[in-house]
Amino acid sequence: MRPLIVFSDVTLDGFMTGADNDLGFMVADPQLAAELTGDLTAVADTMLWGHASFTPAGAYWTAAEGGAGPLDEPDP
């Protein structure tokens, strides 16, 4: 059996915004993102997303310049 790695952003109430839906606390950090992506892809070959997270993300990826790679390819 392969190991299971869980990477999750979680809050106690399950809603990740500040007052009035403010997302100002989220700071883009390209170095951190690259390290996390590199660390995860070095040991993981599958990502499991929930419907509520995947729907908007998948819509973006399939419309983004350069395409979405495997998301653009039909399942065999």
Protein backbone atom coordinates (compact mmCIF):
# COMPACT_ATOMS: atom_id res chain seq x y z
CA MET A 1 0.00 0.00 0.00
CA ARG A 2 1.28 3.47 -0.88
CA PRO A 3 1.53 6.21 1.74
CA LEU A 4 -1.17 8.87 1.91
CA ILE A 5 -0.01 12.50 2.17
CA VAL A 6 -2.59 15.07 3.25
CA PHE A 7 -2.02 18.74 2.46
CA SER A 8 -4.91 20.88 3.60
CA ASP A 9 -5.75 24.45 4.55
CA VAL A 10 -8.22 24.23 7.40
CA THR A 11 -9.94 26.68 9.72
CA LEU A 12 -12.10 25.89 12.71
CA ASP A 13 -15.23 27.17 11.00
CA GLY A 14 -14.28 25.83 7.56
CA PHE A 15 -14.40 29.29 5.97
CA MET A 16 -11.11 30.92 5.00
CA THR A 17 -11.65 34.67 4.87
CA GLY A 18 -11.30 37.62 7.17
CA ALA A 19 -14.06 40.03 8.13
CA ASP A 20 -16.31 40.99 5.19
CA ASN A 21 -14.81 38.16 3.09
CA ASP A 22 -11.39 39.88 3.11
CA LEU A 23 -8.59 37.78 1.60
CA GLY A 24 -5.87 40.36 2.34
CA PHE A 25 -4.12 37.98 4.73
CA MET A 26 -3.25 35.70 1.81
CA VAL A 27 0.11 36.78 0.42
CA ALA A 28 1.46 35.33 -2.80
CA ASP A 29 4.92 33.88 -2.19
CA PRO A 30 6.36 32.39 -5.39
CA GLN A 31 9.31 30.80 -3.58
CA LEU A 32 7.09 29.06 -1.02
CA ALA A 33 4.67 27.93 -3.74
CA ALA A 34 7.54 26.51 -5.80
CA GLU A 35 8.96 24.66 -2.80
CA LEU A 36 5.59 23.21 -1.78
CA THR A 37 4.80 22.19 -5.35
CA GLY A 38 8.25 20.65 -5.78
CA ASP A 39 8.06 18.80 -2.47
CA LEU A 40 4.60 17.42 -3.19
CA THR A 41 5.18 16.43 -6.81
CA ALA A 42 8.41 14.69 -5.86
CA VAL A 43 6.46 12.16 -3.79
CA ALA A 44 2.87 12.31 -5.11
CA ASP A 45 1.45 11.32 -8.47
CA THR A 46 -2.24 11.94 -7.79
CA MET A 47 -4.22 14.84 -6.36
CA LEU A 48 -7.73 14.41 -5.01
CA TRP A 49 -9.89 17.53 -5.00
CA GLY A 50 -13.39 18.03 -3.66
CA HIS A 51 -16.10 19.22 -6.03
CA ALA A 52 -16.37 22.70 -4.47
CA SER A 53 -12.62 23.30 -4.87
CA PHE A 54 -12.13 21.67 -8.24
CA THR A 55 -15.02 23.29 -10.12
CA PRO A 56 -13.69 26.88 -10.09
CA ALA A 57 -10.04 25.78 -10.28
CA GLY A 58 -10.71 23.42 -13.18
CA ALA A 59 -12.59 26.16 -15.04
CA TYR A 60 -9.57 28.43 -14.68
CA TRP A 61 -6.99 25.80 -15.65
CA THR A 62 -8.79 24.73 -18.80
CA ALA A 63 -9.12 28.37 -19.94
CA ALA A 64 -5.62 29.52 -18.89
CA GLU A 65 -3.01 30.34 -21.49
CA GLY A 66 -1.02 27.21 -22.26
CA GLY A 67 -3.87 24.91 -21.29
CA ALA A 68 -4.12 22.59 -18.36
CA GLY A 69 -2.00 19.70 -19.52
CA PRO A 70 -3.73 16.47 -18.49
CA LEU A 71 -7.00 18.31 -17.81
CA ASP A 72 -7.20 19.11 -21.54
CA GLU A 73 -6.81 15.47 -22.50
CA PRO A 74 -9.84 13.15 -22.49
CA ASP A 75 -9.73 10.08 -20.29
CA PRO A 76 -8.84 6.90 -22.22
